[in-house]
Amino acid sequence: MKVVRFVGVVCLIILVSLLVACGNSTPSETVAVTSGSGQSAQVGVAFSNPLVVTVSKSGAGVTGVTVTFTAPASGASCSFSGSATATATTNSSGVASAACTANTKAGAYTVTASASGASGTASFSMTNTAGAAASIAATSGSGQTAQAGSAFASPLAATVTDQYGNGVSGVTVTFTAPASGASGTFKTSGTNTEQDTTNASGVATSSTFTANSTWGAAYNVTASSGTLTPANFSLTNTAPPPVVAATSGSGQSAQVGGAFSAPLVATVTYGPGGPPVSGATVTFTAPATGASGTFAGGATTRRTRRMPAVWPPRQRSQRTAKWALIW
């Protein structure tokens, strides 16, 4: 019986202690966003509205509390009179605010607000947007070569940036290749010019660009937008490999030991049907055994070559053409 009484007394003491503790507990202060979150501002420009928080306790605003606003120390951020942090004191309604100006980096970020003696922090979602287009540059695709009539391996990409180097989206970029001579066409337009729009990173990318049938020195494809100074892509169309074809002399017949009436003539061109190749070495070869023939001097093989001209480019080649001859 004594044990039961003792246990009962202990439980009663614990219960009373808990009730006293709960009755004496004091609700902590909290800090919460009131307004200013979700704003956007152009780089270097002040946000339209200040960042506002309310510090409260048991639903009532707490006056005289120091609130610290903190923006990111690097990357896209904003500044409070030139600093990444600012302090403000709550008014009679528990409200504190701070004005913020976007820095020169575009992007989204978070500004936090903390209050001395308050639990947790308040967060503001902010976004810095790029400024007006200030320059355009060739990002990739310049310096390529492609065989005449073939597509270049990579598209042309140009980047449009604002005065701080942030990519500007939604800008129309016009790619333009030469109207004559060595040049090419874009797949989407089918012509020597095409318009593309910059993406979120400020990059405009052309469709596949294919070299035309003319080759020679490098040429420029320009990327332009409004009054911005155009960017240049240097491209080169190269000659297709030489091919040799039997021009005349095929199909002849001659009596054994007699000369064929017409010589064997071969034409070397840059690709089938292309311009002639000057200075190419052509080797004529008859069968070594069986029905065959000989060239002047008694040889079954003869090499002929003419001295190269200044144009087309000095490219020597050796090709073989076949004739059907009957002895």
Protein backbone atom coordinates (compact mmCIF):
# COMPACT_ATOMS: atom_id res chain seq x y z
CA MET A 1 0.00 0.00 0.00
CA LYS A 2 2.87 2.38 0.85
CA VAL A 3 4.47 1.65 -2.52
CA VAL A 4 1.25 2.48 -4.35
CA ARG A 5 0.94 5.78 -2.46
CA PHE A 6 4.56 6.66 -3.29
CA VAL A 7 4.11 5.99 -6.98
CA GLY A 8 0.94 8.06 -7.01
CA VAL A 9 2.69 11.00 -5.37
CA VAL A 10 5.56 10.85 -7.87
CA CYS A 11 3.17 10.83 -10.83
CA LEU A 12 1.27 13.76 -9.35
CA ILE A 13 4.49 15.75 -8.94
CA ILE A 14 5.53 15.05 -12.56
CA LEU A 15 2.10 16.04 -13.86
CA VAL A 16 2.12 19.29 -11.92
CA SER A 17 5.64 20.08 -13.18
CA LEU A 18 4.60 19.58 -16.78
CA LEU A 19 1.54 21.79 -16.38
CA VAL A 20 3.63 24.54 -14.83
CA ALA A 21 6.23 24.28 -17.61
CA CYS A 22 3.61 24.50 -20.32
CA GLY A 23 1.94 27.43 -18.63
CA ASN A 24 5.21 29.35 -18.39
CA SER A 25 6.41 28.67 -22.02
CA THR A 26 6.73 31.76 -24.20
CA PRO A 27 5.91 31.59 -27.96
CA SER A 28 8.97 32.49 -30.08
CA GLU A 29 9.03 35.28 -32.62
CA THR A 30 8.75 34.42 -36.31
CA VAL A 31 9.79 36.24 -39.47
CA ALA A 32 7.80 35.91 -42.71
CA VAL A 33 7.73 37.47 -46.19
CA THR A 34 5.07 40.14 -46.51
CA SER A 35 5.74 41.32 -50.08
CA GLY A 36 8.49 41.74 -52.69
CA SER A 37 9.16 38.10 -53.56
CA GLY A 38 8.86 36.89 -57.18
CA GLN A 39 10.08 40.12 -58.77
CA SER A 40 12.20 40.55 -61.90
CA ALA A 41 14.43 43.45 -62.83
CA GLN A 42 16.81 44.13 -65.68
CA VAL A 43 20.48 43.87 -64.75
CA GLY A 44 21.73 47.09 -63.17
CA VAL A 45 18.19 48.32 -62.44
CA ALA A 46 16.43 48.63 -59.07
CA PHE A 47 13.55 46.30 -58.32
CA SER A 48 10.17 48.03 -58.43
CA ASN A 49 9.16 47.13 -54.89
CA PRO A 50 11.14 46.77 -51.64
CA LEU A 51 11.56 43.46 -49.84
CA VAL A 52 9.18 43.46 -46.87
CA VAL A 53 8.98 41.08 -43.87
CA THR A 54 6.89 40.96 -40.72
CA VAL A 55 8.21 39.80 -37.36
CA SER A 56 5.38 38.58 -35.13
CA LYS A 57 4.74 36.84 -31.85
CA SER A 58 1.45 35.12 -31.10
CA GLY A 59 0.01 36.78 -34.19
CA ALA A 60 1.01 40.35 -33.22
CA GLY A 61 3.76 42.42 -34.83
CA VAL A 62 6.87 42.94 -32.75
CA THR A 63 8.43 46.38 -32.83
CA GLY A 64 12.12 47.25 -32.55
CA VAL A 65 13.50 43.96 -33.92
CA THR A 66 16.59 44.10 -36.14
CA VAL A 67 16.11 42.26 -39.47
CA THR A 68 19.06 41.35 -41.70
CA PHE A 69 18.51 40.96 -45.45
CA THR A 70 21.20 38.88 -47.22
CA ALA A 71 21.70 38.48 -50.99
CA PRO A 72 24.12 35.99 -52.65
CA ALA A 73 27.77 37.05 -52.48
CA SER A 74 28.47 35.99 -56.10
CA GLY A 75 26.66 35.27 -59.35
CA ALA A 76 23.23 36.72 -60.01
CA SER A 77 22.31 38.82 -56.99
CA CYS A 78 21.21 42.27 -55.88
CA SER A 79 22.75 44.96 -53.74
CA PHE A 80 21.50 47.09 -50.90
CA SER A 81 23.22 50.45 -51.44
CA GLY A 82 26.29 48.66 -52.76
CA SER A 83 26.33 45.87 -50.17
CA ALA A 84 25.11 42.26 -50.24
CA THR A 85 23.45 42.77 -46.84
CA ALA A 86 21.18 45.32 -45.23
CA THR A 87 19.61 45.76 -41.79
CA ALA A 88 16.29 47.33 -40.91
CA THR A 89 14.30 47.71 -37.68
CA THR A 90 10.66 46.66 -37.44
CA ASN A 91 8.07 49.39 -36.96
CA SER A 92 5.08 49.32 -34.62
CA SER A 93 3.43 46.74 -36.85
CA GLY A 94 6.49 44.49 -36.84
CA VAL A 95 7.30 45.34 -40.46
CA ALA A 96 10.82 45.92 -41.85
CA SER A 97 11.82 46.54 -45.48
CA ALA A 98 14.84 47.07 -47.74
CA ALA A 99 15.23 48.24 -51.35
CA CYS A 100 17.39 46.15 -53.68
CA THR A 101 19.08 46.73 -57.08
CA ALA A 102 19.89 43.91 -59.52
CA ASN A 103 23.60 43.40 -60.15
CA THR A 104 25.09 42.81 -63.63
CA LYS A 105 24.61 39.02 -63.71
CA ALA A 106 21.39 37.60 -65.15
CA GLY A 107 19.69 34.69 -63.41
CA ALA A 108 17.42 33.60 -60.56
CA TYR A 109 18.44 33.64 -56.88
CA THR A 110 17.17 33.90 -53.31
CA VAL A 111 17.47 36.73 -50.77
CA THR A 112 16.98 35.71 -47.13
CA ALA A 113 15.79 37.75 -44.17
CA SER A 114 16.53 36.81 -40.55
CA ALA A 115 15.52 38.53 -37.33
CA SER A 116 17.39 38.55 -34.05
CA GLY A 117 15.58 36.32 -31.60
CA ALA A 118 13.20 34.96 -34.25
CA SER A 119 13.07 31.37 -35.41
CA GLY A 120 13.73 30.52 -39.05
CA THR A 121 14.28 32.83 -42.01
CA ALA A 122 12.16 34.37 -44.76
CA SER A 123 13.11 33.84 -48.42
CA PHE A 124 12.56 36.09 -51.44
CA SER A 125 12.73 34.61 -54.98
CA MET A 126 14.32 37.17 -57.30
CA THR A 127 15.33 37.23 -60.98
CA ASN A 128 17.73 39.46 -62.90
CA THR A 129 16.95 39.62 -66.63
CA ALA A 130 19.41 40.45 -69.42
CA GLY A 131 19.57 43.96 -70.80
CA ALA A 132 19.19 45.09 -74.41
CA ALA A 133 21.27 43.37 -77.11
CA ALA A 134 24.66 45.08 -77.36
CA SER A 135 26.87 42.72 -79.37
CA ILE A 136 26.87 39.56 -81.47
CA ALA A 137 29.75 37.08 -81.78
CA ALA A 138 30.51 33.90 -83.73
CA THR A 139 30.39 31.19 -81.07
CA SER A 140 31.09 28.04 -83.09
CA GLY A 141 31.21 26.80 -86.68
CA SER A 142 33.87 29.16 -88.04
CA GLY A 143 37.03 27.78 -89.64
CA GLN A 144 35.36 24.73 -91.18
CA THR A 145 36.03 23.20 -94.61
CA ALA A 146 33.71 21.09 -96.72
CA GLN A 147 34.01 19.52 -100.13
CA ALA A 148 32.08 21.40 -102.82
CA GLY A 149 28.50 20.14 -102.83
CA SER A 150 28.79 18.64 -99.32
CA ALA A 151 27.39 19.79 -95.98
CA PHE A 152 29.63 21.36 -93.35
CA ALA A 153 29.99 19.16 -90.27
CA SER A 154 28.66 21.69 -87.74
CA PRO A 155 26.01 24.42 -87.87
CA LEU A 156 26.88 28.08 -87.34
CA ALA A 157 26.14 29.44 -83.87
CA ALA A 158 26.11 33.12 -82.89
CA THR A 159 25.64 34.55 -79.39
CA VAL A 160 23.91 37.86 -78.66
CA THR A 161 24.83 39.51 -75.34
CA ASP A 162 23.95 42.66 -73.43
CA GLN A 163 26.49 45.24 -72.26
CA TYR A 164 27.46 43.01 -69.33
CA GLY A 165 27.93 39.82 -71.36
CA ASN A 166 24.61 38.18 -70.47
CA GLY A 167 22.95 36.18 -73.25
CA VAL A 168 19.85 37.89 -74.64
CA SER A 169 16.98 35.60 -75.63
CA GLY A 170 14.38 36.14 -78.35
CA VAL A 171 16.66 38.09 -80.71
CA THR A 172 16.38 37.46 -84.47
CA VAL A 173 19.76 36.73 -86.08
CA THR A 174 20.25 36.70 -89.86
CA PHE A 175 22.93 34.41 -91.31
CA THR A 176 24.06 35.52 -94.78
CA ALA A 177 26.49 33.75 -97.15
CA PRO A 178 27.93 35.34 -100.33
CA ALA A 179 25.45 35.68 -103.19
CA SER A 180 28.01 34.51 -105.77
CA GLY A 181 31.28 32.62 -106.00
CA ALA A 182 32.24 30.15 -103.31
CA SER A 183 29.32 30.03 -100.90
CA GLY A 184 26.54 27.70 -99.81
CA THR A 185 22.90 27.32 -98.82
CA PHE A 186 21.04 26.74 -95.55
CA LYS A 187 18.81 23.68 -95.26
CA THR A 188 15.81 25.45 -93.76
CA SER A 189 15.59 28.32 -96.24
CA GLY A 190 17.20 26.65 -99.26
CA THR A 191 18.99 29.93 -99.98
CA ASN A 192 22.18 31.72 -98.96
CA THR A 193 20.41 33.49 -96.07
CA GLU A 194 18.44 32.34 -93.02
CA GLN A 195 16.93 33.83 -89.86
CA ASP A 196 17.09 32.14 -86.45
CA THR A 197 16.12 33.24 -82.93
CA THR A 198 18.36 33.21 -79.86
CA ASN A 199 17.53 30.75 -77.07
CA ALA A 200 17.55 31.34 -73.32
CA SER A 201 21.36 31.53 -73.42
CA GLY A 202 21.36 34.10 -76.22
CA VAL A 203 22.53 31.58 -78.85
CA ALA A 204 21.09 31.42 -82.38
CA THR A 205 21.98 28.27 -84.33
CA SER A 206 21.65 27.88 -88.09
CA SER A 207 20.35 24.85 -89.92
CA THR A 208 22.80 22.66 -91.87
CA PHE A 209 24.92 24.72 -94.27
CA THR A 210 25.97 23.03 -97.53
CA ALA A 211 28.83 24.21 -99.75
CA ASN A 212 27.92 25.10 -103.33
CA SER A 213 29.80 23.81 -106.38
CA THR A 214 32.42 26.57 -106.36
CA TRP A 215 35.63 26.27 -104.36
CA GLY A 216 38.69 28.36 -103.75
CA ALA A 217 39.71 30.86 -101.07
CA ALA A 218 37.89 31.13 -97.74
CA TYR A 219 34.76 33.27 -97.60
CA ASN A 220 32.70 34.83 -94.81
CA VAL A 221 29.17 34.06 -93.67
CA THR A 222 27.88 36.92 -91.54
CA ALA A 223 25.55 36.85 -88.54
CA SER A 224 23.73 40.15 -88.05
CA SER A 225 20.96 41.62 -85.91
CA GLY A 226 19.65 45.14 -86.24
CA THR A 227 22.35 47.76 -85.86
CA LEU A 228 24.83 45.45 -84.11
CA THR A 229 28.23 44.97 -85.74
CA PRO A 230 27.94 41.65 -87.65
CA ALA A 231 29.97 38.57 -86.68
CA ASN A 232 31.89 36.61 -89.33
CA PHE A 233 32.27 32.87 -89.87
CA SER A 234 35.21 31.89 -92.11
CA LEU A 235 34.39 28.87 -94.29
CA THR A 236 36.17 27.14 -97.17
CA ASN A 237 34.80 24.99 -99.98
CA THR A 238 37.39 22.47 -101.15
CA ALA A 239 37.64 20.81 -104.57
CA PRO A 240 36.11 17.35 -104.97
CA PRO A 241 38.55 14.53 -105.77
CA PRO A 242 39.55 14.33 -109.47
CA VAL A 243 37.93 11.66 -111.64
CA VAL A 244 39.05 10.39 -115.06
CA ALA A 245 36.79 9.40 -117.93
CA ALA A 246 37.40 7.95 -121.39
CA THR A 247 36.63 10.79 -123.77
CA SER A 248 37.31 9.18 -127.16
CA GLY A 249 39.12 6.26 -128.76
CA SER A 250 37.05 3.48 -127.17
CA GLY A 251 35.35 0.84 -129.33
CA GLN A 252 37.98 0.82 -132.11
CA SER A 253 39.19 -2.20 -134.06
CA ALA A 254 42.56 -2.69 -135.68
CA GLN A 255 44.25 -5.54 -137.57
CA VAL A 256 46.82 -7.38 -135.48
CA GLY A 257 50.10 -5.54 -135.76
CA GLY A 258 48.36 -2.42 -137.07
CA ALA A 259 47.89 0.91 -135.36
CA PHE A 260 44.51 2.07 -134.19
CA SER A 261 43.28 5.00 -136.24
CA ALA A 262 42.54 7.34 -133.35
CA PRO A 263 44.45 8.01 -130.12
CA LEU A 264 43.00 7.21 -126.72
CA VAL A 265 41.80 10.40 -125.05
CA ALA A 266 40.98 10.77 -121.32
CA THR A 267 39.57 13.80 -119.48
CA VAL A 268 40.25 14.50 -115.80
CA THR A 269 37.71 16.67 -113.95
CA TYR A 270 37.02 17.75 -110.39
CA GLY A 271 34.17 15.34 -109.72
CA PRO A 272 31.87 13.95 -112.44
CA GLY A 273 31.01 16.70 -114.88
CA GLY A 274 33.10 19.24 -112.99
CA PRO A 275 35.71 21.66 -114.35
CA PRO A 276 38.85 20.13 -115.92
CA VAL A 277 41.94 19.40 -113.86
CA SER A 278 45.04 20.94 -115.38
CA GLY A 279 48.41 19.27 -114.86
CA ALA A 280 47.06 15.84 -113.88
CA THR A 281 49.16 12.76 -114.79
CA VAL A 282 47.16 10.07 -116.63
CA THR A 283 48.52 6.54 -117.03
CA PHE A 284 47.33 4.47 -120.02
CA THR A 285 47.77 0.72 -119.38
CA ALA A 286 47.04 -2.16 -121.80
CA PRO A 287 46.82 -5.83 -120.71
CA ALA A 288 50.18 -7.46 -120.03
CA THR A 289 49.15 -10.77 -121.67
CA GLY A 290 46.69 -11.99 -124.28
CA ALA A 291 45.12 -9.63 -126.79
CA SER A 292 46.65 -6.23 -126.11
CA GLY A 293 48.73 -3.56 -127.74
CA THR A 294 51.68 -1.25 -127.26
CA PHE A 295 52.15 2.48 -127.16
CA ALA A 296 54.89 4.35 -129.01
CA GLY A 297 58.22 2.91 -127.99
CA GLY A 298 56.81 -0.60 -127.52
CA ALA A 299 55.56 -0.20 -123.93
CA THR A 300 52.16 -1.39 -122.75
CA THR A 301 51.97 1.62 -120.38
CA ARG A 302 52.18 5.29 -121.19
CA ARG A 303 52.03 8.33 -118.93
CA THR A 304 50.99 11.72 -120.27
CA ARG A 305 50.90 15.03 -118.49
CA ARG A 306 50.52 18.68 -119.33
CA MET A 307 52.05 21.52 -117.34
CA PRO A 308 49.57 22.94 -114.81
CA ALA A 309 47.94 26.28 -115.30
CA VAL A 310 47.59 28.88 -112.56
CA TRP A 311 43.90 27.96 -112.09
CA PRO A 312 42.42 25.58 -111.01
CA PRO A 313 44.61 25.04 -107.94
CA ARG A 314 47.77 23.04 -108.56
CA GLN A 315 46.61 19.61 -107.61
CA ARG A 316 48.31 16.64 -109.26
CA SER A 317 46.51 13.35 -109.56
CA GLN A 318 46.98 10.00 -111.26
CA ARG A 319 43.90 8.24 -112.56
CA THR A 320 43.11 5.35 -114.90
CA ALA A 321 40.45 5.11 -117.60
CA LYS A 322 39.54 1.98 -119.54
CA TRP A 323 38.86 1.57 -123.26
CA ALA A 324 37.35 -1.41 -125.05
CA LEU A 325 39.65 -2.14 -127.97
CA ILE A 326 39.50 -4.98 -130.48
CA TRP A 327 42.46 -6.44 -132.31
